[in-house]
Protein backbone atom coordinates (compact mmCIF):
# COMPACT_ATOMS: atom_id res chain seq x y z
CA MET A 1 44.58 174.31 120.89
CA ILE A 2 47.97 175.32 122.76
CA GLU A 3 46.75 178.74 123.15
CA GLU A 4 43.70 177.62 124.99
CA ASP A 5 45.91 175.38 127.21
CA ASN A 6 44.19 172.32 125.63
CA TYR A 7 47.66 170.24 125.81
CA THR A 8 45.93 167.00 125.77
CA GLY A 9 44.22 167.95 122.14
CA ALA A 10 47.63 169.09 120.99
CA LEU A 11 49.23 166.14 122.18
CA ASN A 12 46.59 163.64 120.63
CA LYS A 13 46.83 165.67 117.66
CA LEU A 14 50.55 165.33 117.06
CA GLU A 15 50.71 161.75 118.18
CA ASN A 16 47.67 160.34 116.17
CA ASP A 17 47.68 162.43 113.17
CA ILE A 18 50.70 164.56 112.35
CA LEU A 19 53.17 162.04 113.40
CA THR A 20 51.56 159.32 111.36
CA LYS A 21 51.99 161.35 108.18
CA ILE A 22 55.61 161.70 108.52
CA ASN A 23 56.92 158.50 110.34
CA GLY A 24 57.57 156.07 107.41
CA CYS A 25 61.46 156.58 107.18
CA ASP A 26 61.66 156.19 111.00
CA LYS A 27 59.66 153.05 111.09
CA MET A 28 60.54 151.61 107.73
CA GLY A 29 63.39 153.32 106.20
CA GLU A 30 61.10 154.85 103.44
CA PRO A 31 58.13 156.98 103.21
CA ASP A 32 55.08 154.97 103.44
CA LYS A 33 51.65 155.43 101.55
CA ASN A 34 50.30 157.71 104.31
CA ASP A 35 53.16 160.10 104.56
CA TRP A 36 52.78 163.67 103.27
CA ILE A 37 56.56 164.33 103.40
CA ILE A 38 57.92 161.97 100.75
CA THR A 39 61.63 161.99 101.28
CA CYS A 40 63.53 160.70 104.14
CA GLU A 41 65.77 163.81 104.08
CA GLU A 42 62.81 166.01 104.61
CA GLN A 43 61.24 163.70 107.18
CA GLY A 44 64.43 163.62 109.00
CA GLU A 45 64.38 167.52 109.56
CA ILE A 46 60.49 167.30 110.70
CA TYR A 47 60.26 164.18 112.62
CA PRO A 48 62.52 165.04 115.34
CA LEU A 49 60.97 168.47 115.52
CA VAL A 50 57.38 166.68 116.07
CA ILE A 51 58.88 164.32 118.62
CA GLY A 52 60.63 167.23 120.75
CA THR A 53 57.34 169.08 120.66
CA ILE A 54 55.52 165.70 122.06
CA GLU A 55 57.99 165.48 124.77
CA ASN A 56 57.62 168.98 125.79
CA LEU A 57 53.85 168.84 125.73
CA ARG A 58 54.14 166.01 128.11
CA ILE A 59 56.27 167.97 130.47
CA LEU A 60 53.77 170.71 130.26
CA MET A 61 51.18 168.27 131.25
CA GLN A 62 52.92 167.05 134.34
């Protein structure tokens, strides 16, 4: 998506698909039933990277 300058599609995928599968610990303090990463320690490593990527995509789209 990003290679094709489809920043909107990439942002949508991250926010509405990927993020929902790694956000249980951030929202509830523990992994939820939809999470693909099932420990808070591992989510704590990945979640900030996804949030950072989302923020960078928003900057690129300005």
